[in-house]
Amino acid sequence: MTTPLEGTVALVTGASSGIGEATAEILAQHGAAVALVARRIDRLDDLAAKLKSDGASVLPIQADVANRDEAYEAVDRVAAEFGRLDTVINNAGVMLLGPIENAPVEEWERMVNVNLLGLLYCSKAALPHLLKAADGEPRGVADLVNVSSVAGRVPRLGSGVYNATKHAVGAFSESLRQEVTGRHVRVSLVEPGAVTTELVSHNRPEIRDQMSQRFAATQRMEATDIADVIGYIVSRPRHVAINEVLVRPTEQQQ
C-alpha cells in the first residue's frame, strides 16, 4: 500500500517533545523522510532511534531556530542530505504568560525570537526548496504548516505578548499563502487550544498555578490529537488546501 507522503522529505521544528515529536511520528508513518530540529539533541536522538526502528529515514539536527544562522543551516542541511524538502512544520514555540505590568522583558524577547522570528527564518530558508518540490514529482505540491494557538484568535488577560506573537504568525501565514498558493505551496495555520505539553512548565511557578486552576475541570487534548490534524492537512490531494484549523478541547470555552 502506497503511503501519502512516500518519496517526500519533511522538517519538524520543536521535535524534541509534545506536538513536534508526535507530528514527526505521524509524518514518518505517512512515508516521509523526517528531519528533527530542536535544541535538545539527546531527545532527538532517542526519537530518531525509535523512528528508524520502524523503518523511517530520519535526520536529527540540533539547532535553535531563534538564531537565524542556525535556522538557515538546519534547513539547508536537510535539503542537502535528503536532496529535497517537501513539508515544513514550524512548531517550535514558547508560552510565557503573565501580566504585562512588571513582566520580565526577557520573556517577551524569547517569545518574539522563537514564536515569530524563528518561524520566519525557517519559512524564508525553506521557501525555495518548497517551491521546487511543488513543481515536480512525486506530488506536485508542498506544505508549510505554522503551529499557532487559539491565542492567535482570542486575546486574553495575562497573555498579551504571547497573543501578539501568535496573531503575527496568523497574519504572516495568510500573506504568504496568497503569495505562493498559485505555485502549489500550501500554507496552513493550526491553532490548538489547551494541550498537555511542556509549554506550561516553562512559566514562573505562580503562573503555572494559575493555569492549572483555569483548566482543572477541562480534559486537555494530547499532542497526538494535533499531530493527527497536521497529518491530515499535509496528506490532502494536490487540489485541496486546508488553510486554517482551530482545534480546542470540547470543554474549552475560549
C-alpha atoms as a PDB file:
ATOM      1  CA  MET A   1       0.000   0.000   0.000  1.00  0.00           C
ATOM      2  CA  THR A   2       1.379   3.397  -1.003  1.00  0.00           C
ATOM      3  CA  THR A   3       1.655   5.923   1.821  1.00  0.00           C
ATOM      4  CA  PRO A   4       0.578   9.511   1.040  1.00  0.00           C
ATOM      5  CA  LEU A   5       3.993  11.136   1.647  1.00  0.00           C
ATOM      6  CA  GLU A   6       6.185   8.424   0.148  1.00  0.00           C
ATOM      7  CA  GLY A   7       9.205   9.896  -1.613  1.00  0.00           C
ATOM      8  CA  THR A   8       8.978  13.214   0.215  1.00  0.00           C
ATOM      9  CA  VAL A   9      11.007  14.912   2.945  1.00  0.00           C
ATOM     10  CA  ALA A  10       9.605  16.724   5.974  1.00  0.00           C
ATOM     11  CA  LEU A  11      11.235  19.007   8.538  1.00  0.00           C
ATOM     12  CA  VAL A  12       9.714  19.481  12.000  1.00  0.00           C
ATOM     13  CA  THR A  13      10.933  22.151  14.415  1.00  0.00           C
ATOM     14  CA  GLY A  14      10.437  21.736  18.142  1.00  0.00           C
ATOM     15  CA  ALA A  15      10.602  17.992  17.520  1.00  0.00           C
ATOM     16  CA  SER A  16      12.077  17.029  20.883  1.00  0.00           C
ATOM     17  CA  SER A  17       8.719  16.803  22.672  1.00  0.00           C
ATOM     18  CA  GLY A  18       4.986  17.393  22.528  1.00  0.00           C
ATOM     19  CA  ILE A  19       3.305  18.291  19.259  1.00  0.00           C
ATOM     20  CA  GLY A  20       6.572  18.292  17.325  1.00  0.00           C
ATOM     21  CA  GLU A  21       7.518  14.797  18.436  1.00  0.00           C
ATOM     22  CA  ALA A  22       4.034  13.421  17.747  1.00  0.00           C
ATOM     23  CA  THR A  23       3.936  15.109  14.342  1.00  0.00           C
ATOM     24  CA  ALA A  24       7.294  13.638  13.336  1.00  0.00           C
ATOM     25  CA  GLU A  25       5.913  10.188  14.127  1.00  0.00           C
ATOM     26  CA  ILE A  26       2.789  10.792  12.041  1.00  0.00           C
ATOM     27  CA  LEU A  27       4.763  12.076   9.057  1.00  0.00           C
ATOM     28  CA  ALA A  28       7.083   9.079   9.220  1.00  0.00           C
ATOM     29  CA  GLN A  29       4.055   6.772   9.292  1.00  0.00           C
ATOM     30  CA  HIS A  30       2.802   8.563   6.177  1.00  0.00           C
ATOM     31  CA  GLY A  31       6.037   7.629   4.422  1.00  0.00           C
ATOM     32  CA  ALA A  32       8.086  10.828   4.620  1.00  0.00           C
ATOM     33  CA  ALA A  33      11.758  11.002   5.485  1.00  0.00           C
ATOM     34  CA  VAL A  34      11.820  13.267   8.542  1.00  0.00           C
ATOM     35  CA  ALA A  35      14.320  15.830   9.792  1.00  0.00           C
ATOM     36  CA  LEU A  36      14.015  16.535  13.515  1.00  0.00           C
ATOM     37  CA  VAL A  37      15.094  20.015  14.619  1.00  0.00           C
ATOM     38  CA  ALA A  38      15.365  21.203  18.227  1.00  0.00           C
ATOM     39  CA  ARG A  39      17.913  22.264  20.829  1.00  0.00           C
ATOM     40  CA  ARG A  40      17.870  19.047  22.877  1.00  0.00           C
ATOM     41  CA  ILE A  41      19.874  16.627  20.769  1.00  0.00           C
ATOM     42  CA  ASP A  42      19.596  13.785  23.300  1.00  0.00           C
ATOM     43  CA  ARG A  43      15.823  13.727  22.875  1.00  0.00           C
ATOM     44  CA  LEU A  44      16.127  13.983  19.111  1.00  0.00           C
ATOM     45  CA  ASP A  45      18.496  11.042  19.063  1.00  0.00           C
ATOM     46  CA  ASP A  46      16.045   8.970  21.100  1.00  0.00           C
ATOM     47  CA  LEU A  47      13.178   9.820  18.765  1.00  0.00           C
ATOM     48  CA  ALA A  48      15.336   9.184  15.707  1.00  0.00           C
ATOM     49  CA  ALA A  49      16.250   5.729  17.012  1.00  0.00           C
ATOM     50  CA  LYS A  50      12.578   4.928  17.560  1.00  0.00           C
ATOM     51  CA  LEU A  51      11.553   6.062  14.088  1.00  0.00           C
ATOM     52  CA  LYS A  52      14.459   4.274  12.420  1.00  0.00           C
ATOM     53  CA  SER A  53      13.489   1.047  14.166  1.00  0.00           C
ATOM     54  CA  ASP A  54      10.136   1.373  12.394  1.00  0.00           C
ATOM     55  CA  GLY A  55      11.870   1.762   9.036  1.00  0.00           C
ATOM     56  CA  ALA A  56      11.844   5.549   8.642  1.00  0.00           C
ATOM     57  CA  SER A  57      14.640   7.713   7.254  1.00  0.00           C
ATOM     58  CA  VAL A  58      15.463  10.266   9.960  1.00  0.00           C
ATOM     59  CA  LEU A  59      17.926  13.118  10.430  1.00  0.00           C
ATOM     60  CA  PRO A  60      18.253  14.714  13.894  1.00  0.00           C
ATOM     61  CA  ILE A  61      19.630  18.279  13.859  1.00  0.00           C
ATOM     62  CA  GLN A  62      20.494  20.305  16.943  1.00  0.00           C
ATOM     63  CA  ALA A  63      19.581  23.935  16.307  1.00  0.00           C
ATOM     64  CA  ASP A  64      17.944  26.927  17.952  1.00  0.00           C
ATOM     65  CA  VAL A  65      15.624  28.351  15.317  1.00  0.00           C
ATOM     66  CA  ALA A  66      15.692  31.718  17.095  1.00  0.00           C
ATOM     67  CA  ASN A  67      19.257  32.008  15.795  1.00  0.00           C
ATOM     68  CA  ARG A  68      18.995  32.957  12.139  1.00  0.00           C
ATOM     69  CA  ASP A  69      22.228  31.263  11.079  1.00  0.00           C
ATOM     70  CA  GLU A  70      21.289  28.022  12.852  1.00  0.00           C
ATOM     71  CA  ALA A  71      17.794  28.055  11.343  1.00  0.00           C
ATOM     72  CA  TYR A  72      19.128  28.588   7.814  1.00  0.00           C
ATOM     73  CA  GLU A  73      21.848  25.962   8.254  1.00  0.00           C
ATOM     74  CA  ALA A  74      19.337  23.404   9.531  1.00  0.00           C
ATOM     75  CA  VAL A  75      17.071  23.854   6.514  1.00  0.00           C
ATOM     76  CA  ASP A  76      19.967  23.793   4.062  1.00  0.00           C
ATOM     77  CA  ARG A  77      21.384  20.647   5.659  1.00  0.00           C
ATOM     78  CA  VAL A  78      18.075  18.813   5.269  1.00  0.00           C
ATOM     79  CA  ALA A  79      17.832  19.751   1.590  1.00  0.00           C
ATOM     80  CA  ALA A  80      21.471  18.793   1.002  1.00  0.00           C
ATOM     81  CA  GLU A  81      21.354  15.411   2.750  1.00  0.00           C
ATOM     82  CA  PHE A  82      17.941  14.286   1.500  1.00  0.00           C
ATOM     83  CA  GLY A  83      18.065  16.080  -1.851  1.00  0.00           C
ATOM     84  CA  ARG A  84      14.741  17.849  -1.433  1.00  0.00           C
ATOM     85  CA  LEU A  85      12.290  19.366   1.063  1.00  0.00           C
ATOM     86  CA  ASP A  86       8.530  18.995   0.622  1.00  0.00           C
ATOM     87  CA  THR A  87       6.982  19.700   4.018  1.00  0.00           C
ATOM     88  CA  VAL A  88       7.901  22.086   6.831  1.00  0.00           C
ATOM     89  CA  ILE A  89       6.163  22.100  10.203  1.00  0.00           C
ATOM     90  CA  ASN A  90       7.011  25.272  12.127  1.00  0.00           C
ATOM     91  CA  ASN A  91       6.143  24.015  15.585  1.00  0.00           C
ATOM     92  CA  ALA A  92       8.880  25.398  17.863  1.00  0.00           C
ATOM     93  CA  GLY A  93       7.436  27.830  20.381  1.00  0.00           C
ATOM     94  CA  VAL A  94       7.361  29.052  23.953  1.00  0.00           C
ATOM     95  CA  MET A  95       4.414  30.294  26.001  1.00  0.00           C
ATOM     96  CA  LEU A  96       5.444  32.612  28.839  1.00  0.00           C
ATOM     97  CA  LEU A  97       2.320  34.149  30.324  1.00  0.00           C
ATOM     98  CA  GLY A  98       1.513  36.715  32.981  1.00  0.00           C
ATOM     99  CA  PRO A  99       0.516  40.365  33.385  1.00  0.00           C
ATOM    100  CA  ILE A 100       2.221  42.927  31.171  1.00  0.00           C
ATOM    101  CA  GLU A 101       2.884  45.190  34.146  1.00  0.00           C
ATOM    102  CA  ASN A 102       6.176  44.231  35.807  1.00  0.00           C
ATOM    103  CA  ALA A 103       6.738  41.357  33.376  1.00  0.00           C
ATOM    104  CA  PRO A 104      10.310  40.180  32.755  1.00  0.00           C
ATOM    105  CA  VAL A 105      11.071  41.665  29.339  1.00  0.00           C
ATOM    106  CA  GLU A 106      13.408  38.752  28.684  1.00  0.00           C
ATOM    107  CA  GLU A 107      10.318  36.533  28.466  1.00  0.00           C
ATOM    108  CA  TRP A 108       8.856  38.788  25.789  1.00  0.00           C
ATOM    109  CA  GLU A 109      12.085  38.705  23.820  1.00  0.00           C
ATOM    110  CA  ARG A 110      12.250  34.920  23.985  1.00  0.00           C
ATOM    111  CA  MET A 111       8.694  34.573  22.664  1.00  0.00           C
ATOM    112  CA  VAL A 112       9.274  37.029  19.833  1.00  0.00           C
ATOM    113  CA  ASN A 113      12.551  35.337  18.927  1.00  0.00           C
ATOM    114  CA  VAL A 114      11.202  31.773  18.911  1.00  0.00           C
ATOM    115  CA  ASN A 115       7.490  32.070  18.115  1.00  0.00           C
ATOM    116  CA  LEU A 116       7.858  34.708  15.415  1.00  0.00           C
ATOM    117  CA  LEU A 117      11.416  35.220  14.203  1.00  0.00           C
ATOM    118  CA  GLY A 118      12.271  31.510  14.337  1.00  0.00           C
ATOM    119  CA  LEU A 119       9.208  30.723  12.261  1.00  0.00           C
ATOM    120  CA  LEU A 120      10.083  33.494   9.792  1.00  0.00           C
ATOM    121  CA  TYR A 121      13.670  32.309   9.442  1.00  0.00           C
ATOM    122  CA  CYS A 122      12.673  28.703   8.778  1.00  0.00           C
ATOM    123  CA  SER A 123       9.969  29.727   6.328  1.00  0.00           C
ATOM    124  CA  LYS A 124      12.320  32.007   4.392  1.00  0.00           C
ATOM    125  CA  ALA A 125      15.052  29.384   4.197  1.00  0.00           C
ATOM    126  CA  ALA A 126      12.629  26.623   3.197  1.00  0.00           C
ATOM    127  CA  LEU A 127      10.627  28.501   0.580  1.00  0.00           C
ATOM    128  CA  PRO A 128      12.933  27.928  -2.432  1.00  0.00           C
ATOM    129  CA  HIS A 129      13.029  24.198  -1.664  1.00  0.00           C
ATOM    130  CA  LEU A 130       9.257  24.007  -1.222  1.00  0.00           C
ATOM    131  CA  LEU A 131       8.640  25.811  -4.495  1.00  0.00           C
ATOM    132  CA  LYS A 132      10.987  23.414  -6.272  1.00  0.00           C
ATOM    133  CA  ALA A 133       9.294  20.376  -4.738  1.00  0.00           C
ATOM    134  CA  ALA A 134       5.851  21.662  -5.680  1.00  0.00           C
ATOM    135  CA  ASP A 135       6.961  21.960  -9.290  1.00  0.00           C
ATOM    136  CA  GLY A 136       7.778  18.284  -9.690  1.00  0.00           C
ATOM    137  CA  GLU A 137       7.308  14.684  -8.630  1.00  0.00           C
ATOM    138  CA  PRO A 138       6.091  12.851  -6.686  1.00  0.00           C
ATOM    139  CA  ARG A 139       3.177  15.010  -5.527  1.00  0.00           C
ATOM    140  CA  GLY A 140       3.344  18.346  -7.366  1.00  0.00           C
ATOM    141  CA  VAL A 141       2.563  20.142  -4.117  1.00  0.00           C
ATOM    142  CA  ALA A 142       4.422  21.224  -0.969  1.00  0.00           C
ATOM    143  CA  ASP A 143       3.298  22.224   2.514  1.00  0.00           C
ATOM    144  CA  LEU A 144       4.273  24.813   5.104  1.00  0.00           C
ATOM    145  CA  VAL A 145       2.334  24.343   8.342  1.00  0.00           C
ATOM    146  CA  ASN A 146       2.633  27.007  11.042  1.00  0.00           C
ATOM    147  CA  VAL A 147       1.533  25.931  14.508  1.00  0.00           C
ATOM    148  CA  SER A 148      -0.089  28.908  16.203  1.00  0.00           C
ATOM    149  CA  SER A 149      -2.637  28.844  19.043  1.00  0.00           C
ATOM    150  CA  VAL A 150      -6.154  29.809  19.971  1.00  0.00           C
ATOM    151  CA  ALA A 151      -4.234  32.780  21.413  1.00  0.00           C
ATOM    152  CA  GLY A 152      -3.750  33.874  17.811  1.00  0.00           C
ATOM    153  CA  ARG A 153      -7.511  34.328  17.567  1.00  0.00           C
ATOM    154  CA  VAL A 154      -8.653  35.408  21.036  1.00  0.00           C
ATOM    155  CA  PRO A 155      -6.665  37.954  23.085  1.00  0.00           C
ATOM    156  CA  ARG A 156      -6.816  37.028  26.739  1.00  0.00           C
ATOM    157  CA  LEU A 157      -5.898  38.693  30.011  1.00  0.00           C
ATOM    158  CA  GLY A 158      -2.408  37.655  31.054  1.00  0.00           C
ATOM    159  CA  SER A 159      -1.327  36.561  27.571  1.00  0.00           C
ATOM    160  CA  GLY A 160      -0.539  39.902  25.954  1.00  0.00           C
ATOM    161  CA  VAL A 161       2.810  39.256  24.278  1.00  0.00           C
ATOM    162  CA  TYR A 162       2.093  35.592  23.596  1.00  0.00           C
ATOM    163  CA  ASN A 163      -1.134  36.752  21.915  1.00  0.00           C
ATOM    164  CA  ALA A 164       0.866  39.268  19.902  1.00  0.00           C
ATOM    165  CA  THR A 165       3.314  36.677  18.576  1.00  0.00           C
ATOM    166  CA  LYS A 166       0.569  34.260  17.589  1.00  0.00           C
ATOM    167  CA  HIS A 167      -1.546  36.942  15.901  1.00  0.00           C
ATOM    168  CA  ALA A 168       1.560  37.856  13.920  1.00  0.00           C
ATOM    169  CA  VAL A 169       2.008  34.232  12.855  1.00  0.00           C
ATOM    170  CA  GLY A 170      -1.549  34.226  11.541  1.00  0.00           C
ATOM    171  CA  ALA A 171      -1.047  37.426   9.553  1.00  0.00           C
ATOM    172  CA  PHE A 172       2.236  36.226   8.089  1.00  0.00           C
ATOM    173  CA  SER A 173       0.769  32.852   7.155  1.00  0.00           C
ATOM    174  CA  GLU A 174      -2.163  34.326   5.261  1.00  0.00           C
ATOM    175  CA  SER A 175       0.002  36.815   3.387  1.00  0.00           C
ATOM    176  CA  LEU A 176       2.464  34.109   2.381  1.00  0.00           C
ATOM    177  CA  ARG A 177      -0.403  31.814   1.391  1.00  0.00           C
ATOM    178  CA  GLN A 178      -1.661  34.384  -1.081  1.00  0.00           C
ATOM    179  CA  GLU A 179       1.850  34.790  -2.468  1.00  0.00           C
ATOM    180  CA  VAL A 180       2.634  31.128  -3.198  1.00  0.00           C
ATOM    181  CA  THR A 181      -0.637  29.196  -3.410  1.00  0.00           C
ATOM    182  CA  GLY A 182      -0.754  29.653  -7.192  1.00  0.00           C
ATOM    183  CA  ARG A 183       2.507  27.694  -7.348  1.00  0.00           C
ATOM    184  CA  HIS A 184       1.075  24.847  -5.252  1.00  0.00           C
ATOM    185  CA  VAL A 185       2.826  25.591  -1.984  1.00  0.00           C
ATOM    186  CA  ARG A 186       0.073  25.271   0.598  1.00  0.00           C
ATOM    187  CA  VAL A 187       0.400  27.406   3.731  1.00  0.00           C
ATOM    188  CA  SER A 188      -1.658  26.186   6.664  1.00  0.00           C
ATOM    189  CA  LEU A 189      -2.271  27.575  10.138  1.00  0.00           C
ATOM    190  CA  VAL A 190      -3.072  25.221  13.027  1.00  0.00           C
ATOM    191  CA  GLU A 191      -4.423  26.850  16.196  1.00  0.00           C
ATOM    192  CA  PRO A 192      -4.572  24.448  19.144  1.00  0.00           C
ATOM    193  CA  GLY A 193      -6.381  25.136  22.374  1.00  0.00           C
ATOM    194  CA  ALA A 194      -5.285  23.540  25.645  1.00  0.00           C
ATOM    195  CA  VAL A 195      -2.896  20.645  25.036  1.00  0.00           C
ATOM    196  CA  THR A 196      -0.955  18.573  27.543  1.00  0.00           C
ATOM    197  CA  THR A 197       2.642  19.528  26.648  1.00  0.00           C
ATOM    198  CA  GLU A 198       5.734  21.016  28.274  1.00  0.00           C
ATOM    199  CA  LEU A 199       4.746  24.596  27.362  1.00  0.00           C
ATOM    200  CA  VAL A 200       3.165  25.273  30.744  1.00  0.00           C
ATOM    201  CA  SER A 201       6.275  24.123  32.612  1.00  0.00           C
ATOM    202  CA  HIS A 202       8.329  26.984  31.184  1.00  0.00           C
ATOM    203  CA  ASN A 203       6.342  29.551  33.162  1.00  0.00           C
ATOM    204  CA  ARG A 204       7.065  31.049  36.549  1.00  0.00           C
ATOM    205  CA  PRO A 205       5.577  28.991  39.448  1.00  0.00           C
ATOM    206  CA  GLU A 206       2.759  31.434  40.168  1.00  0.00           C
ATOM    207  CA  ILE A 207       1.709  31.407  36.509  1.00  0.00           C
ATOM    208  CA  ARG A 208       1.766  27.611  36.380  1.00  0.00           C
ATOM    209  CA  ASP A 209      -0.543  27.512  39.391  1.00  0.00           C
ATOM    210  CA  GLN A 210      -2.996  29.914  37.738  1.00  0.00           C
ATOM    211  CA  MET A 211      -3.041  27.865  34.543  1.00  0.00           C
ATOM    212  CA  SER A 212      -3.578  24.627  36.437  1.00  0.00           C
ATOM    213  CA  GLN A 213      -6.579  26.138  38.189  1.00  0.00           C
ATOM    214  CA  ARG A 214      -8.006  27.539  34.967  1.00  0.00           C
ATOM    215  CA  PHE A 215      -8.047  24.165  33.210  1.00  0.00           C
ATOM    216  CA  ALA A 216      -8.616  21.988  36.261  1.00  0.00           C
ATOM    217  CA  ALA A 217     -12.049  20.882  35.059  1.00  0.00           C
ATOM    218  CA  THR A 218     -11.137  20.585  31.370  1.00  0.00           C
ATOM    219  CA  GLN A 219      -9.912  17.439  29.674  1.00  0.00           C
ATOM    220  CA  ARG A 220      -6.999  18.762  27.647  1.00  0.00           C
ATOM    221  CA  MET A 221      -6.060  17.455  24.256  1.00  0.00           C
ATOM    222  CA  GLU A 222      -2.983  15.316  23.735  1.00  0.00           C
ATOM    223  CA  ALA A 223      -0.127  16.122  21.371  1.00  0.00           C
ATOM    224  CA  THR A 224      -1.250  13.254  19.154  1.00  0.00           C
ATOM    225  CA  ASP A 225      -4.594  14.995  18.610  1.00  0.00           C
ATOM    226  CA  ILE A 226      -2.841  17.954  16.986  1.00  0.00           C
ATOM    227  CA  ALA A 227      -0.425  15.706  15.102  1.00  0.00           C
ATOM    228  CA  ASP A 228      -3.432  13.926  13.574  1.00  0.00           C
ATOM    229  CA  VAL A 229      -4.704  17.275  12.294  1.00  0.00           C
ATOM    230  CA  ILE A 230      -1.326  18.142  10.786  1.00  0.00           C
ATOM    231  CA  GLY A 231      -1.062  14.716   9.191  1.00  0.00           C
ATOM    232  CA  TYR A 232      -4.473  15.219   7.617  1.00  0.00           C
ATOM    233  CA  ILE A 233      -3.530  18.660   6.251  1.00  0.00           C
ATOM    234  CA  VAL A 234      -0.337  17.592   4.514  1.00  0.00           C
ATOM    235  CA  SER A 235      -1.747  14.377   3.082  1.00  0.00           C
ATOM    236  CA  ARG A 236      -4.583  16.018   1.109  1.00  0.00           C
ATOM    237  CA  PRO A 237      -4.509  15.693  -2.678  1.00  0.00           C
ATOM    238  CA  ARG A 238      -2.867  18.437  -4.702  1.00  0.00           C
ATOM    239  CA  HIS A 239      -6.047  20.354  -5.404  1.00  0.00           C
ATOM    240  CA  VAL A 240      -7.130  20.608  -1.730  1.00  0.00           C
ATOM    241  CA  ALA A 241      -5.654  23.130   0.712  1.00  0.00           C
ATOM    242  CA  ILE A 242      -6.607  23.224   4.382  1.00  0.00           C
ATOM    243  CA  ASN A 243      -5.606  26.780   5.194  1.00  0.00           C
ATOM    244  CA  GLU A 244      -6.664  27.172   8.816  1.00  0.00           C
ATOM    245  CA  VAL A 245      -7.753  24.845  11.616  1.00  0.00           C
ATOM    246  CA  LEU A 246      -8.836  25.908  15.106  1.00  0.00           C
ATOM    247  CA  VAL A 247      -8.977  22.860  17.364  1.00  0.00           C
ATOM    248  CA  ARG A 248      -9.902  23.002  21.039  1.00  0.00           C
ATOM    249  CA  PRO A 249     -10.861  20.575  23.778  1.00  0.00           C
ATOM    250  CA  THR A 250     -14.610  20.046  23.717  1.00  0.00           C
ATOM    251  CA  GLU A 251     -14.940  21.619  27.174  1.00  0.00           C
ATOM    252  CA  GLN A 252     -12.802  24.698  26.470  1.00  0.00           C
ATOM    253  CA  GLN A 253     -14.954  27.804  26.098  1.00  0.00           C
ATOM    254  CA  GLN A 254     -12.344  30.372  24.997  1.00  0.00           C
END
